[in-house]
Structure formats: structure tokens, C-alpha cells
């Protein structure tokens, strides 16, 4: 179980996948990372693939809206309670072999195994906490997607207010990304 002293490495996830015969290698995947909009982007991609006729698995990072099972879906249908319980029971002896498996690593392993059991055509995986040690980084994705950080409307208005504050010349020089001086 995760504690404040847990060391995040991919070793645990790799050992767990080896004990399960690498279920994540039974299907191609799209790996979605980024600061904002990962879940929406992953859902959109999964919906597009499903509409195109692919049996599509979707694995998303918390928070779920109503039910934990929302995080593991195939063609828009959540994993059933009985399938989730069966897979968790199958994981128990393996988590005794691989010490200190985190909740996210266990959930990720369950999703990978469920997708392999259901013989999906493709999986769309949302990165968890991100970084090189994220449990989903054991996959070899067909495509990786990185969502950009988008400026929110209230940030734009703050910049506008700063630029147009009293006593500030309306026209001031700045540098473009290429280093050229511009007047705004």
C-alpha cells in the first residue's frame, strides 16, 4: 500500500506485468499525457475509435464522476462489478510476490488484464500522475498524445488589465519569440 515513503519506480509494474504474461502487449494503445484535458482527450479519442468500428478500451485516471468502474471501460461500457472483483482476486497472490504495489499500479494492472481478456482492438490510456515513472509508461504506444496547457479566459483578462493599467503607455516594446522587437 502507498505511504509517504513509497518509492516510485517502474520495477514493481514490470514485475507485476511479467507475472501476468504482459497483458499490455496484446493490443496497441494510444497514450494520453499532459497538464490539462487528458481525460476529455482520451474519451474523445476512444469515442472516435469506437465509432470507427474498433473494440476500444479506455482507462482514465481519477477522479471518477460517480463510480470507480468508470475508469475502466470497453466501448463505453464500464467493467462489471463481478469482473472487477474477479480480477482483483486474481491480482492478490501476485501483489504478495511484488511488494508495495500502489493502488494506481494495481488498478492499471487490472485494466490491462481486463482489456487483454476481452480481446480489444485498441486501448486509450490516460497517464496517471505523469512523469517517467508513471505506471502506464510500461506500454509501447502506437501513438502518444500530449495535451497543451491552455490559457484560461480569466488569465487573458488579467494580462489585458496589466498591459492597460493606469500610467502605463498603451504602446510598449516586447520581444517576439524570434528575438525581434515588436510594439503592441
Protein backbone atom coordinates (compact mmCIF):
# COMPACT_ATOMS: atom_id res chain seq x y z
CA UNK A 1 0.00 0.00 0.00
CA UNK A 2 1.21 3.52 -0.79
CA UNK A 3 2.72 5.59 2.00
CA UNK A 4 4.62 8.86 2.07
CA UNK A 5 7.80 6.75 1.89
CA UNK A 6 6.79 4.85 -1.25
CA UNK A 7 9.49 4.99 -3.91
CA UNK A 8 8.00 5.36 -7.37
CA UNK A 9 9.73 3.15 -9.93
CA UNK A 10 8.60 1.03 -12.85
CA UNK A 11 10.19 -2.10 -11.37
CA UNK A 12 7.04 -3.11 -9.50
CA UNK A 13 4.83 -2.59 -12.53
CA UNK A 14 7.22 -4.52 -14.79
CA UNK A 15 7.37 -7.44 -12.33
CA UNK A 16 3.58 -7.45 -11.99
CA UNK A 17 3.11 -7.45 -15.78
CA UNK A 18 5.65 -10.27 -16.15
CA UNK A 19 3.66 -12.36 -13.64
CA UNK A 20 0.53 -11.70 -15.74
CA UNK A 21 2.33 -12.57 -19.01
CA UNK A 22 2.38 -8.95 -20.20
CA UNK A 23 -1.32 -8.34 -20.94
CA UNK A 24 -0.50 -4.78 -22.07
CA UNK A 25 1.33 -6.24 -25.09
CA UNK A 26 -1.77 -7.94 -26.50
CA UNK A 27 -3.18 -4.79 -28.13
CA UNK A 28 -1.95 -1.44 -29.45
CA UNK A 29 -2.58 1.66 -27.39
CA UNK A 30 -2.85 5.43 -27.51
CA UNK A 31 -1.13 7.05 -24.51
CA UNK A 32 -2.53 10.45 -23.44
CA UNK A 33 -0.47 12.76 -21.21
CA UNK A 34 -0.43 16.45 -20.35
CA UNK A 35 -1.36 19.03 -17.74
CA UNK A 36 -4.99 19.71 -18.59
CA UNK A 37 -7.65 17.88 -20.57
CA UNK A 38 -6.17 14.37 -20.55
CA UNK A 39 -9.42 12.68 -19.58
CA UNK A 40 -11.52 14.58 -22.09
CA UNK A 41 -8.97 13.97 -24.83
CA UNK A 42 -8.77 10.25 -24.01
CA UNK A 43 -12.57 9.96 -24.01
CA UNK A 44 -12.81 11.79 -27.33
CA UNK A 45 -10.18 9.52 -28.93
CA UNK A 46 -11.87 6.40 -27.55
CA UNK A 47 -15.25 7.57 -28.84
CA UNK A 48 -13.80 8.25 -32.29
CA UNK A 49 -12.16 4.81 -32.43
CA UNK A 50 -15.35 3.11 -31.21
CA UNK A 51 -17.43 4.96 -33.83
CA UNK A 52 -14.94 3.77 -36.45
CA UNK A 53 -15.71 0.18 -35.52
CA UNK A 54 -12.81 -0.67 -33.18
CA UNK A 55 -13.40 -2.54 -29.93
CA UNK A 56 -11.87 0.16 -27.73
CA UNK A 57 -10.67 0.02 -24.15
CA UNK A 58 -10.49 3.25 -22.15
CA UNK A 59 -8.51 3.64 -18.94
CA UNK A 60 -8.66 7.00 -17.17
CA UNK A 61 -7.03 8.50 -14.10
CA UNK A 62 -9.14 9.67 -11.14
CA UNK A 63 -11.34 11.37 -10.31
CA UNK A 64 -14.27 9.33 -11.49
CA UNK A 65 -17.61 11.11 -11.50
CA UNK A 66 -19.89 8.56 -9.85
CA UNK A 67 -18.37 5.08 -9.80
CA UNK A 68 -14.81 3.73 -9.63
CA UNK A 69 -15.63 1.43 -12.57
CA UNK A 70 -15.89 4.44 -14.91
CA UNK A 71 -12.11 4.35 -15.10
CA UNK A 72 -12.07 1.01 -16.96
CA UNK A 73 -14.38 0.76 -19.97
CA UNK A 74 -14.76 -1.08 -23.24
CA UNK A 75 -16.83 0.57 -25.95
CA UNK A 76 -18.31 2.96 -23.41
CA UNK A 77 -19.40 0.20 -21.03
CA UNK A 78 -17.87 0.10 -17.56
CA UNK A 79 -16.23 -3.04 -16.27
CA UNK A 80 -18.86 -5.03 -14.32
CA UNK A 81 -18.63 -5.36 -10.56
CA UNK A 82 -18.14 -9.13 -10.84
CA UNK A 83 -15.33 -8.78 -13.43
CA UNK A 84 -13.61 -6.15 -11.30
CA UNK A 85 -13.84 -8.33 -8.18
CA UNK A 86 -12.60 -11.42 -10.10
CA UNK A 87 -9.62 -9.52 -11.48
CA UNK A 88 -8.79 -8.03 -8.07
CA UNK A 89 -8.88 -11.57 -6.62
CA UNK A 90 -6.55 -12.76 -9.41
CA UNK A 91 -4.13 -9.93 -8.59
CA UNK A 92 -3.95 -10.69 -4.85
CA UNK A 93 -1.36 -13.51 -5.00
CA UNK A 94 0.76 -11.50 -7.43
CA UNK A 95 0.75 -8.45 -5.17
CA UNK A 96 2.09 -10.68 -2.41
CA UNK A 97 5.05 -11.55 -4.67
CA UNK A 98 5.58 -7.94 -5.78
CA UNK A 99 5.77 -5.93 -2.57
CA UNK A 100 4.44 -2.38 -2.12
CA UNK A 101 2.23 -2.21 -5.23
CA UNK A 102 0.37 1.11 -5.21
CA UNK A 103 -3.36 1.45 -5.75
CA UNK A 104 -2.76 3.09 -9.12
CA UNK A 105 -0.39 0.30 -10.21
CA UNK A 106 -2.95 -2.33 -9.16
CA UNK A 107 -5.79 -0.54 -10.96
CA UNK A 108 -3.64 -0.16 -14.07
CA UNK A 109 -2.77 -3.87 -14.00
CA UNK A 110 -6.45 -4.76 -13.65
CA UNK A 111 -7.31 -2.57 -16.66
CA UNK A 112 -4.52 -4.08 -18.78
CA UNK A 113 -5.62 -7.63 -17.90
CA UNK A 114 -9.29 -6.85 -18.50
CA UNK A 115 -8.52 -5.42 -21.94
CA UNK A 116 -6.44 -8.49 -22.85
CA UNK A 117 -9.17 -10.86 -21.58
CA UNK A 118 -11.79 -9.03 -23.68
CA UNK A 119 -9.55 -9.06 -26.78
CA UNK A 120 -9.91 -5.37 -27.55
CA UNK A 121 -8.61 -3.89 -30.80
CA UNK A 122 -7.00 -0.85 -29.16
CA UNK A 123 -6.69 0.83 -25.75
CA UNK A 124 -6.68 4.53 -24.91
CA UNK A 125 -4.74 5.12 -21.70
CA UNK A 126 -4.67 8.30 -19.68
CA UNK A 127 -1.44 8.90 -17.80
CA UNK A 128 -1.79 9.00 -14.03
CA UNK A 129 0.48 11.36 -12.12
CA UNK A 130 2.72 11.60 -15.14
CA UNK A 131 6.43 11.64 -15.42
CA UNK A 132 8.72 8.87 -16.49
CA UNK A 133 7.76 6.68 -13.52
CA UNK A 134 4.02 6.63 -14.16
CA UNK A 135 2.63 3.07 -14.10
CA UNK A 136 1.18 3.46 -17.61
CA UNK A 137 4.67 4.12 -19.01
CA UNK A 138 5.37 0.42 -19.38
CA UNK A 139 3.38 0.44 -22.63
CA UNK A 140 4.88 0.86 -26.08
CA UNK A 141 2.21 3.13 -27.57
CA UNK A 142 1.15 3.22 -31.17
CA UNK A 143 0.57 6.96 -30.64
CA UNK A 144 1.39 9.32 -27.76
CA UNK A 145 -0.70 12.45 -27.26
CA UNK A 146 0.37 15.39 -25.10
CA UNK A 147 -2.36 17.88 -24.29
CA UNK A 148 -1.19 21.50 -24.17
CA UNK A 149 -1.63 23.87 -21.27
CA UNK A 150 -4.32 26.25 -22.47
CA UNK A 151 -4.60 29.80 -21.11
CA UNK A 152 -7.92 30.24 -19.37
CA UNK A 153 -10.10 33.29 -20.16
CA UNK A 154 -9.55 34.89 -16.74
CA UNK A 155 -5.77 34.72 -17.29
CA UNK A 156 -6.17 36.60 -20.55
CA UNK A 157 -8.19 39.32 -18.83
CA UNK A 158 -5.51 39.70 -16.13
CA UNK A 159 -2.83 40.14 -18.80
CA UNK A 160 -5.04 42.68 -20.58
CA UNK A 161 -5.61 44.57 -17.30
CA UNK A 162 -1.85 44.59 -16.61
CA UNK A 163 -0.97 45.89 -20.04
CA UNK A 164 -3.63 48.62 -19.87
CA UNK A 165 -3.16 49.71 -16.26
CA UNK A 166 -3.22 53.48 -15.49
CA UNK A 167 0.07 55.26 -16.08
CA UNK A 168 1.29 52.59 -18.46
CA UNK A 169 1.96 53.65 -22.01
CA UNK A 170 -0.50 51.98 -24.29
CA UNK A 171 2.30 51.04 -26.66
CA UNK A 172 5.28 49.23 -25.26
CA UNK A 173 8.04 47.18 -26.77
CA UNK A 174 8.33 43.45 -26.27
CA UNK A 175 10.37 40.77 -27.94
CA UNK A 176 8.84 38.16 -30.22
CA UNK A 177 9.85 34.50 -29.79
CA UNK A 178 12.41 35.11 -32.55
CA UNK A 179 14.01 37.99 -30.62
CA UNK A 180 12.67 40.80 -32.79
CA UNK A 181 11.31 43.90 -31.08
CA UNK A 182 7.62 44.43 -31.54
CA UNK A 183 5.27 47.17 -30.45
CA UNK A 184 1.89 46.29 -29.05
